C-alpha cells in the first residue's frame, strides 16, 4: 500500500522532471519564483489584475492540470504545488515526512 508521503515524494519528483523538461520551463520556474499574490494562492490568484502575464497564467494552468492528473485535489493540490516550489527553490528532491524534526 502506498502512503500519502510516498505518493507525494513520487509525484513531486515526476512533476519537477516535467517542469524541467518542458519547452517553457523558464516561464514555469519564474511563476514559482514570483509566487502568488499576497493573500491568495497560485490558481486562485489568476484573476488579480496586472499580476500575472498571459504566459504565466498559461504556466499555472498547465501545472494545475498536471497536479490534478496525478489525483491531487483540494488541500493536496496546495501541498503538491508548494512541494514543487521547494524543490525548484532548493534544487533538491523531496523527502517526506521531513526528517529534520526535533522534539
Protein backbone atom coordinates (compact mmCIF):
# COMPACT_ATOMS: atom_id res chain seq x y z
CA UNK A 1 0.00 0.00 0.00
CA UNK A 2 1.28 3.46 -0.89
CA UNK A 3 1.37 6.01 1.87
CA UNK A 4 0.50 9.64 1.32
CA UNK A 5 4.15 10.59 1.83
CA UNK A 6 5.29 8.03 -0.73
CA UNK A 7 2.81 9.38 -3.26
CA UNK A 8 3.83 12.98 -2.52
CA UNK A 9 7.52 12.15 -2.99
CA UNK A 10 6.95 10.25 -6.22
CA UNK A 11 4.54 12.77 -7.71
CA UNK A 12 6.73 15.75 -6.79
CA UNK A 13 9.72 14.10 -8.45
CA UNK A 14 7.72 13.40 -11.60
CA UNK A 15 6.23 16.90 -11.72
CA UNK A 16 9.61 18.59 -11.21
CA UNK A 17 11.00 16.48 -14.04
CA UNK A 18 8.04 17.54 -16.21
CA UNK A 19 8.76 21.19 -15.40
CA UNK A 20 12.46 20.79 -16.18
CA UNK A 21 11.78 19.04 -19.49
CA UNK A 22 9.04 21.38 -20.70
CA UNK A 23 9.93 23.78 -23.52
CA UNK A 24 8.58 26.67 -21.40
CA UNK A 25 10.34 25.58 -18.21
CA UNK A 26 11.87 29.02 -17.71
CA UNK A 27 8.39 30.57 -17.53
CA UNK A 28 7.10 27.87 -15.21
CA UNK A 29 10.08 28.38 -12.90
CA UNK A 30 9.52 32.15 -12.95
CA UNK A 31 5.96 31.57 -11.76
CA UNK A 32 7.26 29.65 -8.75
CA UNK A 33 9.94 32.26 -8.10
CA UNK A 34 7.45 35.13 -8.31
CA UNK A 35 4.93 33.40 -6.08
CA UNK A 36 1.22 34.07 -5.81
CA UNK A 37 -0.31 37.45 -4.96
CA UNK A 38 -0.46 38.18 -1.25
CA UNK A 39 -3.49 36.68 0.50
CA UNK A 40 -4.11 34.20 -2.35
CA UNK A 41 -2.67 31.07 -3.85
CA UNK A 42 -1.40 30.46 -7.36
CA UNK A 43 -4.55 29.21 -9.04
CA UNK A 44 -6.94 31.40 -7.07
CA UNK A 45 -4.87 34.48 -7.84
CA UNK A 46 -5.28 34.18 -11.60
CA UNK A 47 -7.90 36.91 -11.70
CA UNK A 48 -5.86 39.51 -9.83
CA UNK A 49 -5.45 42.32 -12.37
CA UNK A 50 -1.95 43.05 -13.68
CA UNK A 51 -0.20 40.45 -11.52
CA UNK A 52 0.35 37.50 -13.87
CA UNK A 53 1.35 37.78 -17.52
CA UNK A 54 -0.53 35.75 -20.12
CA UNK A 55 2.35 33.25 -20.30
CA UNK A 56 2.47 32.92 -16.51
CA UNK A 57 -1.28 32.20 -16.41
CA UNK A 58 -0.82 29.50 -19.04
CA UNK A 59 2.03 28.00 -16.96
CA UNK A 60 -0.13 27.95 -13.82
CA UNK A 61 -2.95 26.26 -15.71
CA UNK A 62 -0.53 23.68 -17.07
CA UNK A 63 0.82 22.85 -13.61
CA UNK A 64 -2.74 22.80 -12.26
CA UNK A 65 -3.68 20.22 -14.89
CA UNK A 66 -0.61 18.07 -14.17
CA UNK A 67 -1.34 18.07 -10.43
CA UNK A 68 -4.98 17.12 -10.95
CA UNK A 69 -3.95 14.34 -13.34
CA UNK A 70 -1.87 12.90 -10.51
CA UNK A 71 -5.03 12.70 -8.39
CA UNK A 72 -4.39 15.64 -6.06
CA UNK A 73 -7.34 17.86 -5.24
CA UNK A 74 -8.38 20.39 -2.59
CA UNK A 75 -5.76 20.67 0.17
CA UNK A 76 -3.48 18.16 -1.53
CA UNK A 77 -3.29 20.44 -4.55
CA UNK A 78 -1.66 23.19 -2.49
CA UNK A 79 0.66 20.75 -0.76
CA UNK A 80 1.97 19.46 -4.11
CA UNK A 81 2.29 22.98 -5.55
CA UNK A 82 4.37 24.01 -2.52
CA UNK A 83 6.42 20.80 -2.70
CA UNK A 84 7.31 21.56 -6.33
CA UNK A 85 8.25 25.11 -5.36
CA UNK A 86 10.56 23.88 -2.57
CA UNK A 87 12.30 21.50 -4.96
CA UNK A 88 12.80 24.17 -7.59
CA UNK A 89 14.00 26.71 -4.99
CA UNK A 90 16.44 24.30 -3.36
CA UNK A 91 17.35 22.13 -6.34
CA UNK A 92 16.66 19.12 -4.11
CA UNK A 93 14.10 16.39 -4.49
CA UNK A 94 11.58 15.95 -1.69
CA UNK A 95 11.85 13.68 1.27
CA UNK A 96 8.62 13.30 3.22
CA UNK A 97 7.99 13.05 6.02
CA UNK A 98 10.54 15.70 6.94
CA UNK A 99 13.49 14.15 8.74
CA UNK A 100 14.82 17.25 10.48
CA UNK A 101 12.12 17.49 13.14
CA UNK A 102 13.09 17.80 16.75
CA UNK A 103 11.18 17.07 19.90
